[in-house]
Amino acid sequence: MSVVERTSLVDQAISALKAEIESGAWTVGSRIPTEPQLTAQFGIGRNALREAVRALVYAGMLEPRQGDGTYLRATNELAGALRRRIGDSQSREVQEVQRALEVEAARLAAARRSDAQAEELQRLLENASAAWQARDLERLAAADLAVSDAIVTASGNGTLIELYANVGAALPEGFQSDVVRAAAGQTSPPYGAVVAAIVAQDAHAAAAAVALRNRVGRSS
């Protein structure tokens, strides 16, 4: 078999694995099907499949566990690279990157948001405020994430949206809980000033409000 043919088969195997991941058939943290199952499913030889798996392991998307199979670690190369690059000892750096993205997202959202996005932000803020008043940490966590995601989406910057999602996925599992506890202890509902500035299309105020929120959360 020529090198070109071999490369083509491996590329096909990589594409098949990525398509399965992108379809949502496998969830992050789950074990993917066994090698015999995958070769039968995709009609790809074992050698090509093994090389494809090794390539995705190197990319940080898959994780082999001795005696326990292979697990999905990330849904794309960016998320995989971030997870591989960032350890617990560097989580502060990841948080700093996330906060910087949030500031820029708020600034862009204020300049670009649609009327429908402004209405959605106000609705999500009401949910977050209700959870904050009830000191319901579980509801507040979900509401807080919903507001954050809506602000980032309203930025209209596809690269920023993707990067923010993957940076968030690379943060330690307990980070969101810490953020929510800090927000619950604040004297005003989280994101209130940020959403107000975005609705008013005041980019400077929106960025400043996010920066202030992040400083308060970090010191809580």
C-alpha atoms as a PDB file:
ATOM      1  CA  MET A   1       0.000   0.000   0.000  1.00  0.00           C
ATOM      2  CA  SER A   2       1.416   3.408  -0.973  1.00  0.00           C
ATOM      3  CA  VAL A   3       2.042   6.191   1.533  1.00  0.00           C
ATOM      4  CA  VAL A   4      -0.633   8.310  -0.182  1.00  0.00           C
ATOM      5  CA  GLU A   5      -3.222   5.536   0.117  1.00  0.00           C
ATOM      6  CA  ARG A   6      -2.254   4.972   3.736  1.00  0.00           C
ATOM      7  CA  THR A   7      -2.588   8.656   4.556  1.00  0.00           C
ATOM      8  CA  SER A   8      -5.936   8.782   2.811  1.00  0.00           C
ATOM      9  CA  LEU A   9      -7.273   5.891   4.890  1.00  0.00           C
ATOM     10  CA  VAL A  10      -6.086   7.499   8.123  1.00  0.00           C
ATOM     11  CA  ASP A  11      -7.630  10.813   7.107  1.00  0.00           C
ATOM     12  CA  GLN A  12     -10.896   9.029   6.402  1.00  0.00           C
ATOM     13  CA  ALA A  13     -10.754   7.413   9.820  1.00  0.00           C
ATOM     14  CA  ILE A  14     -10.056  10.759  11.501  1.00  0.00           C
ATOM     15  CA  SER A  15     -12.957  12.359   9.620  1.00  0.00           C
ATOM     16  CA  ALA A  16     -15.274   9.526  10.655  1.00  0.00           C
ATOM     17  CA  LEU A  17     -14.310   9.852  14.308  1.00  0.00           C
ATOM     18  CA  LYS A  18     -14.688  13.642  14.244  1.00  0.00           C
ATOM     19  CA  ALA A  19     -18.092  13.375  12.577  1.00  0.00           C
ATOM     20  CA  GLU A  20     -19.254  11.044  15.333  1.00  0.00           C
ATOM     21  CA  ILE A  21     -17.986  13.476  17.976  1.00  0.00           C
ATOM     22  CA  GLU A  22     -19.554  16.515  16.291  1.00  0.00           C
ATOM     23  CA  SER A  23     -22.886  14.714  15.979  1.00  0.00           C
ATOM     24  CA  GLY A  24     -23.081  14.451  19.755  1.00  0.00           C
ATOM     25  CA  ALA A  25     -23.196  10.666  19.661  1.00  0.00           C
ATOM     26  CA  TRP A  26     -20.426  10.638  22.268  1.00  0.00           C
ATOM     27  CA  THR A  27     -20.404  12.960  25.271  1.00  0.00           C
ATOM     28  CA  VAL A  28     -17.329  14.383  26.942  1.00  0.00           C
ATOM     29  CA  GLY A  29     -16.171  12.024  29.668  1.00  0.00           C
ATOM     30  CA  SER A  30     -17.795   8.960  28.119  1.00  0.00           C
ATOM     31  CA  ARG A  31     -16.009   5.894  26.811  1.00  0.00           C
ATOM     32  CA  ILE A  32     -16.109   5.581  23.039  1.00  0.00           C
ATOM     33  CA  PRO A  33     -16.939   2.247  21.344  1.00  0.00           C
ATOM     34  CA  THR A  34     -14.282  -0.450  21.181  1.00  0.00           C
ATOM     35  CA  GLU A  35     -11.946  -0.868  18.243  1.00  0.00           C
ATOM     36  CA  PRO A  36     -13.886  -3.831  16.768  1.00  0.00           C
ATOM     37  CA  GLN A  37     -17.124  -1.852  17.074  1.00  0.00           C
ATOM     38  CA  LEU A  38     -15.624   1.173  15.329  1.00  0.00           C
ATOM     39  CA  THR A  39     -14.081  -0.817  12.491  1.00  0.00           C
ATOM     40  CA  ALA A  40     -17.437  -2.484  11.894  1.00  0.00           C
ATOM     41  CA  GLN A  41     -19.319   0.811  12.113  1.00  0.00           C
ATOM     42  CA  PHE A  42     -17.064   2.785   9.767  1.00  0.00           C
ATOM     43  CA  GLY A  43     -15.762  -0.015   7.555  1.00  0.00           C
ATOM     44  CA  ILE A  44     -12.187   1.079   8.255  1.00  0.00           C
ATOM     45  CA  GLY A  45      -9.213  -1.194   8.842  1.00  0.00           C
ATOM     46  CA  ARG A  46      -7.800  -1.523  12.357  1.00  0.00           C
ATOM     47  CA  ASN A  47      -4.401  -0.051  11.521  1.00  0.00           C
ATOM     48  CA  ALA A  48      -5.894   3.111  10.011  1.00  0.00           C
ATOM     49  CA  LEU A  49      -8.314   3.393  12.926  1.00  0.00           C
ATOM     50  CA  ARG A  50      -5.500   3.032  15.469  1.00  0.00           C
ATOM     51  CA  GLU A  51      -3.500   5.787  13.786  1.00  0.00           C
ATOM     52  CA  ALA A  52      -6.586   8.008  13.707  1.00  0.00           C
ATOM     53  CA  VAL A  53      -7.208   7.426  17.411  1.00  0.00           C
ATOM     54  CA  ARG A  54      -3.555   8.206  18.163  1.00  0.00           C
ATOM     55  CA  ALA A  55      -3.872  11.452  16.191  1.00  0.00           C
ATOM     56  CA  LEU A  56      -6.917  12.522  18.199  1.00  0.00           C
ATOM     57  CA  VAL A  57      -5.199  11.506  21.426  1.00  0.00           C
ATOM     58  CA  TYR A  58      -2.287  13.756  20.459  1.00  0.00           C
ATOM     59  CA  ALA A  59      -4.783  16.538  19.665  1.00  0.00           C
ATOM     60  CA  GLY A  60      -6.186  16.177  23.177  1.00  0.00           C
ATOM     61  CA  MET A  61      -9.634  15.060  22.050  1.00  0.00           C
ATOM     62  CA  LEU A  62      -9.345  11.425  23.147  1.00  0.00           C
ATOM     63  CA  GLU A  63      -7.758   9.885  26.230  1.00  0.00           C
ATOM     64  CA  PRO A  64      -6.676   6.222  26.409  1.00  0.00           C
ATOM     65  CA  ARG A  65      -6.967   4.565  29.812  1.00  0.00           C
ATOM     66  CA  GLN A  66      -4.998   1.403  30.332  1.00  0.00           C
ATOM     67  CA  GLY A  67      -7.339  -1.560  30.607  1.00  0.00           C
ATOM     68  CA  ASP A  68     -10.443   0.644  30.416  1.00  0.00           C
ATOM     69  CA  GLY A  69     -10.729   1.799  26.803  1.00  0.00           C
ATOM     70  CA  THR A  70     -10.616   5.261  25.240  1.00  0.00           C
ATOM     71  CA  TYR A  71     -12.595   8.256  26.495  1.00  0.00           C
ATOM     72  CA  LEU A  72     -13.771  11.451  24.831  1.00  0.00           C
ATOM     73  CA  ARG A  73     -11.944  14.329  26.426  1.00  0.00           C
ATOM     74  CA  ALA A  74     -12.877  17.273  24.181  1.00  0.00           C
ATOM     75  CA  THR A  75     -15.134  17.901  21.193  1.00  0.00           C
ATOM     76  CA  ASN A  76     -12.598  19.750  19.033  1.00  0.00           C
ATOM     77  CA  GLU A  77      -8.876  20.408  18.693  1.00  0.00           C
ATOM     78  CA  LEU A  78      -9.035  23.807  20.389  1.00  0.00           C
ATOM     79  CA  ALA A  79     -10.711  22.408  23.482  1.00  0.00           C
ATOM     80  CA  GLY A  80      -8.293  19.489  23.449  1.00  0.00           C
ATOM     81  CA  ALA A  81      -5.256  21.754  23.187  1.00  0.00           C
ATOM     82  CA  LEU A  82      -6.488  23.913  26.038  1.00  0.00           C
ATOM     83  CA  ARG A  83      -7.165  20.910  28.258  1.00  0.00           C
ATOM     84  CA  ARG A  84      -3.736  19.501  27.495  1.00  0.00           C
ATOM     85  CA  ARG A  85      -2.007  22.847  27.986  1.00  0.00           C
ATOM     86  CA  ILE A  86      -3.770  23.846  31.162  1.00  0.00           C
ATOM     87  CA  GLY A  87      -3.354  22.055  34.456  1.00  0.00           C
ATOM     88  CA  ASP A  88      -4.771  22.919  37.852  1.00  0.00           C
ATOM     89  CA  SER A  89      -1.642  24.921  38.610  1.00  0.00           C
ATOM     90  CA  GLN A  90      -2.463  27.209  35.678  1.00  0.00           C
ATOM     91  CA  SER A  91      -6.165  27.632  36.346  1.00  0.00           C
ATOM     92  CA  ARG A  92      -5.625  31.258  37.409  1.00  0.00           C
ATOM     93  CA  GLU A  93      -4.293  32.022  33.927  1.00  0.00           C
ATOM     94  CA  VAL A  94      -7.371  30.442  32.360  1.00  0.00           C
ATOM     95  CA  GLN A  95      -9.643  32.507  34.587  1.00  0.00           C
ATOM     96  CA  GLU A  96      -7.792  35.657  33.547  1.00  0.00           C
ATOM     97  CA  VAL A  97      -8.283  34.781  29.878  1.00  0.00           C
ATOM     98  CA  GLN A  98     -11.973  34.074  30.460  1.00  0.00           C
ATOM     99  CA  ARG A  99     -12.461  37.411  32.210  1.00  0.00           C
ATOM    100  CA  ALA A 100     -10.678  39.255  29.407  1.00  0.00           C
ATOM    101  CA  LEU A 101     -12.968  37.595  26.861  1.00  0.00           C
ATOM    102  CA  GLU A 102     -16.021  38.546  28.919  1.00  0.00           C
ATOM    103  CA  VAL A 103     -14.995  42.209  28.921  1.00  0.00           C
ATOM    104  CA  GLU A 104     -14.537  42.279  25.151  1.00  0.00           C
ATOM    105  CA  ALA A 105     -17.748  40.300  24.602  1.00  0.00           C
ATOM    106  CA  ALA A 106     -19.750  42.815  26.645  1.00  0.00           C
ATOM    107  CA  ARG A 107     -18.234  45.731  24.736  1.00  0.00           C
ATOM    108  CA  LEU A 108     -19.066  44.161  21.379  1.00  0.00           C
ATOM    109  CA  ALA A 109     -22.528  43.055  22.540  1.00  0.00           C
ATOM    110  CA  ALA A 110     -23.418  46.630  23.471  1.00  0.00           C
ATOM    111  CA  ALA A 111     -22.424  47.777  19.987  1.00  0.00           C
ATOM    112  CA  ARG A 112     -23.966  44.914  18.033  1.00  0.00           C
ATOM    113  CA  ARG A 113     -26.868  43.414  19.982  1.00  0.00           C
ATOM    114  CA  SER A 114     -30.235  43.155  18.274  1.00  0.00           C
ATOM    115  CA  ASP A 115     -33.524  44.174  19.865  1.00  0.00           C
ATOM    116  CA  ALA A 116     -34.387  40.491  20.257  1.00  0.00           C
ATOM    117  CA  GLN A 117     -31.074  39.834  22.009  1.00  0.00           C
ATOM    118  CA  ALA A 118     -31.646  42.782  24.335  1.00  0.00           C
ATOM    119  CA  GLU A 119     -35.059  41.376  25.276  1.00  0.00           C
ATOM    120  CA  GLU A 120     -33.579  37.925  25.832  1.00  0.00           C
ATOM    121  CA  LEU A 121     -30.849  39.340  28.063  1.00  0.00           C
ATOM    122  CA  GLN A 122     -33.428  41.138  30.182  1.00  0.00           C
ATOM    123  CA  ARG A 123     -35.465  37.949  30.503  1.00  0.00           C
ATOM    124  CA  LEU A 124     -32.402  35.934  31.520  1.00  0.00           C
ATOM    125  CA  LEU A 125     -31.419  38.646  33.991  1.00  0.00           C
ATOM    126  CA  GLU A 126     -34.828  38.381  35.642  1.00  0.00           C
ATOM    127  CA  ASN A 127     -34.265  34.647  36.090  1.00  0.00           C
ATOM    128  CA  ALA A 128     -30.803  35.237  37.539  1.00  0.00           C
ATOM    129  CA  SER A 129     -32.089  37.940  39.880  1.00  0.00           C
ATOM    130  CA  ALA A 130     -34.867  35.682  41.158  1.00  0.00           C
ATOM    131  CA  ALA A 131     -32.373  32.901  41.849  1.00  0.00           C
ATOM    132  CA  TRP A 132     -30.040  35.395  43.547  1.00  0.00           C
ATOM    133  CA  GLN A 133     -32.818  36.709  45.802  1.00  0.00           C
ATOM    134  CA  ALA A 134     -33.734  33.144  46.774  1.00  0.00           C
ATOM    135  CA  ARG A 135     -30.048  32.289  47.280  1.00  0.00           C
ATOM    136  CA  ASP A 136     -30.708  29.175  45.210  1.00  0.00           C
ATOM    137  CA  LEU A 137     -27.169  28.287  44.146  1.00  0.00           C
ATOM    138  CA  GLU A 138     -28.209  25.603  41.677  1.00  0.00           C
ATOM    139  CA  ARG A 139     -30.607  27.899  39.849  1.00  0.00           C
ATOM    140  CA  LEU A 140     -28.175  30.782  40.071  1.00  0.00           C
ATOM    141  CA  ALA A 141     -25.414  28.705  38.478  1.00  0.00           C
ATOM    142  CA  ALA A 142     -27.610  27.854  35.493  1.00  0.00           C
ATOM    143  CA  ALA A 143     -28.940  31.395  35.185  1.00  0.00           C
ATOM    144  CA  ASP A 144     -25.484  32.925  35.490  1.00  0.00           C
ATOM    145  CA  LEU A 145     -24.160  30.730  32.686  1.00  0.00           C
ATOM    146  CA  ALA A 146     -27.175  31.538  30.524  1.00  0.00           C
ATOM    147  CA  VAL A 147     -26.580  35.287  30.863  1.00  0.00           C
ATOM    148  CA  SER A 148     -22.858  34.900  30.167  1.00  0.00           C
ATOM    149  CA  ASP A 149     -23.489  32.811  27.064  1.00  0.00           C
ATOM    150  CA  ALA A 150     -26.120  35.231  25.786  1.00  0.00           C
ATOM    151  CA  ILE A 151     -23.742  38.174  26.170  1.00  0.00           C
ATOM    152  CA  VAL A 152     -20.989  36.328  24.325  1.00  0.00           C
ATOM    153  CA  THR A 153     -23.420  35.313  21.571  1.00  0.00           C
ATOM    154  CA  ALA A 154     -24.596  38.930  21.225  1.00  0.00           C
ATOM    155  CA  SER A 155     -20.986  39.947  20.552  1.00  0.00           C
ATOM    156  CA  GLY A 156     -21.447  38.572  17.048  1.00  0.00           C
ATOM    157  CA  ASN A 157     -17.820  37.399  16.947  1.00  0.00           C
ATOM    158  CA  GLY A 158     -17.679  33.720  16.010  1.00  0.00           C
ATOM    159  CA  THR A 159     -14.060  33.274  17.029  1.00  0.00           C
ATOM    160  CA  LEU A 160     -14.655  34.842  20.435  1.00  0.00           C
ATOM    161  CA  ILE A 161     -17.760  32.668  20.948  1.00  0.00           C
ATOM    162  CA  GLU A 162     -15.848  29.474  20.189  1.00  0.00           C
ATOM    163  CA  LEU A 163     -12.814  30.476  22.238  1.00  0.00           C
ATOM    164  CA  TYR A 164     -14.957  31.434  25.240  1.00  0.00           C
ATOM    165  CA  ALA A 165     -16.775  28.100  25.176  1.00  0.00           C
ATOM    166  CA  ASN A 166     -13.538  26.152  25.070  1.00  0.00           C
ATOM    167  CA  VAL A 167     -11.800  28.235  27.724  1.00  0.00           C
ATOM    168  CA  GLY A 168     -14.780  27.639  29.994  1.00  0.00           C
ATOM    169  CA  ALA A 169     -14.573  23.918  29.356  1.00  0.00           C
ATOM    170  CA  ALA A 170     -10.910  23.932  30.381  1.00  0.00           C
ATOM    171  CA  LEU A 171     -11.570  25.463  33.812  1.00  0.00           C
ATOM    172  CA  PRO A 172     -11.488  23.253  36.917  1.00  0.00           C
ATOM    173  CA  GLU A 173     -14.845  21.694  37.790  1.00  0.00           C
ATOM    174  CA  GLY A 174     -15.149  23.621  41.054  1.00  0.00           C
ATOM    175  CA  PHE A 175     -14.543  27.015  39.480  1.00  0.00           C
ATOM    176  CA  GLN A 176     -18.174  27.709  38.540  1.00  0.00           C
ATOM    177  CA  SER A 177     -19.293  26.822  42.063  1.00  0.00           C
ATOM    178  CA  ASP A 178     -16.864  29.366  43.482  1.00  0.00           C
ATOM    179  CA  VAL A 179     -18.142  32.029  41.080  1.00  0.00           C
ATOM    180  CA  VAL A 180     -21.758  31.340  42.007  1.00  0.00           C
ATOM    181  CA  ARG A 181     -21.070  31.460  45.748  1.00  0.00           C
ATOM    182  CA  ALA A 182     -19.303  34.783  45.270  1.00  0.00           C
ATOM    183  CA  ALA A 183     -22.226  36.139  43.222  1.00  0.00           C
ATOM    184  CA  ALA A 184     -24.743  35.017  45.839  1.00  0.00           C
ATOM    185  CA  GLY A 185     -22.875  36.996  48.472  1.00  0.00           C
ATOM    186  CA  GLN A 186     -22.876  40.269  46.532  1.00  0.00           C
ATOM    187  CA  THR A 187     -25.152  43.157  47.498  1.00  0.00           C
ATOM    188  CA  SER A 188     -26.851  43.356  44.088  1.00  0.00           C
ATOM    189  CA  PRO A 189     -27.936  40.784  41.502  1.00  0.00           C
ATOM    190  CA  PRO A 190     -25.138  39.562  39.223  1.00  0.00           C
ATOM    191  CA  TYR A 191     -24.960  41.020  35.723  1.00  0.00           C
ATOM    192  CA  GLY A 192     -27.553  43.737  36.434  1.00  0.00           C
ATOM    193  CA  ALA A 193     -25.283  46.649  35.479  1.00  0.00           C
ATOM    194  CA  VAL A 194     -23.796  44.719  32.568  1.00  0.00           C
ATOM    195  CA  VAL A 195     -27.147  43.926  30.973  1.00  0.00           C
ATOM    196  CA  ALA A 196     -28.390  47.485  31.545  1.00  0.00           C
ATOM    197  CA  ALA A 197     -25.353  48.877  29.727  1.00  0.00           C
ATOM    198  CA  ILE A 198     -25.730  46.435  26.824  1.00  0.00           C
ATOM    199  CA  VAL A 199     -29.420  47.263  26.467  1.00  0.00           C
ATOM    200  CA  ALA A 200     -28.503  50.963  26.496  1.00  0.00           C
ATOM    201  CA  GLN A 201     -25.814  50.233  23.872  1.00  0.00           C
ATOM    202  CA  ASP A 202     -23.138  51.810  26.063  1.00  0.00           C
ATOM    203  CA  ALA A 203     -20.053  49.776  25.147  1.00  0.00           C
ATOM    204  CA  HIS A 204     -17.726  51.524  27.597  1.00  0.00           C
ATOM    205  CA  ALA A 205     -20.118  51.045  30.531  1.00  0.00           C
ATOM    206  CA  ALA A 206     -20.727  47.404  29.595  1.00  0.00           C
ATOM    207  CA  ALA A 207     -17.017  46.589  29.553  1.00  0.00           C
ATOM    208  CA  ALA A 208     -16.446  48.482  32.804  1.00  0.00           C
ATOM    209  CA  ALA A 209     -19.366  46.703  34.500  1.00  0.00           C
ATOM    210  CA  VAL A 210     -18.016  43.267  33.571  1.00  0.00           C
ATOM    211  CA  ALA A 211     -14.532  44.211  34.751  1.00  0.00           C
ATOM    212  CA  LEU A 212     -15.970  45.395  38.085  1.00  0.00           C
ATOM    213  CA  ARG A 213     -18.082  42.247  38.448  1.00  0.00           C
ATOM    214  CA  ASN A 214     -15.034  40.082  37.860  1.00  0.00           C
ATOM    215  CA  ARG A 215     -12.970  42.007  40.411  1.00  0.00           C
ATOM    216  CA  VAL A 216     -15.706  41.627  43.035  1.00  0.00           C
ATOM    217  CA  GLY A 217     -16.040  37.919  42.285  1.00  0.00           C
ATOM    218  CA  ARG A 218     -12.296  37.389  42.516  1.00  0.00           C
ATOM    219  CA  SER A 219     -12.039  39.104  45.888  1.00  0.00           C
ATOM    220  CA  SER A 220     -15.099  37.406  47.408  1.00  0.00           C
END
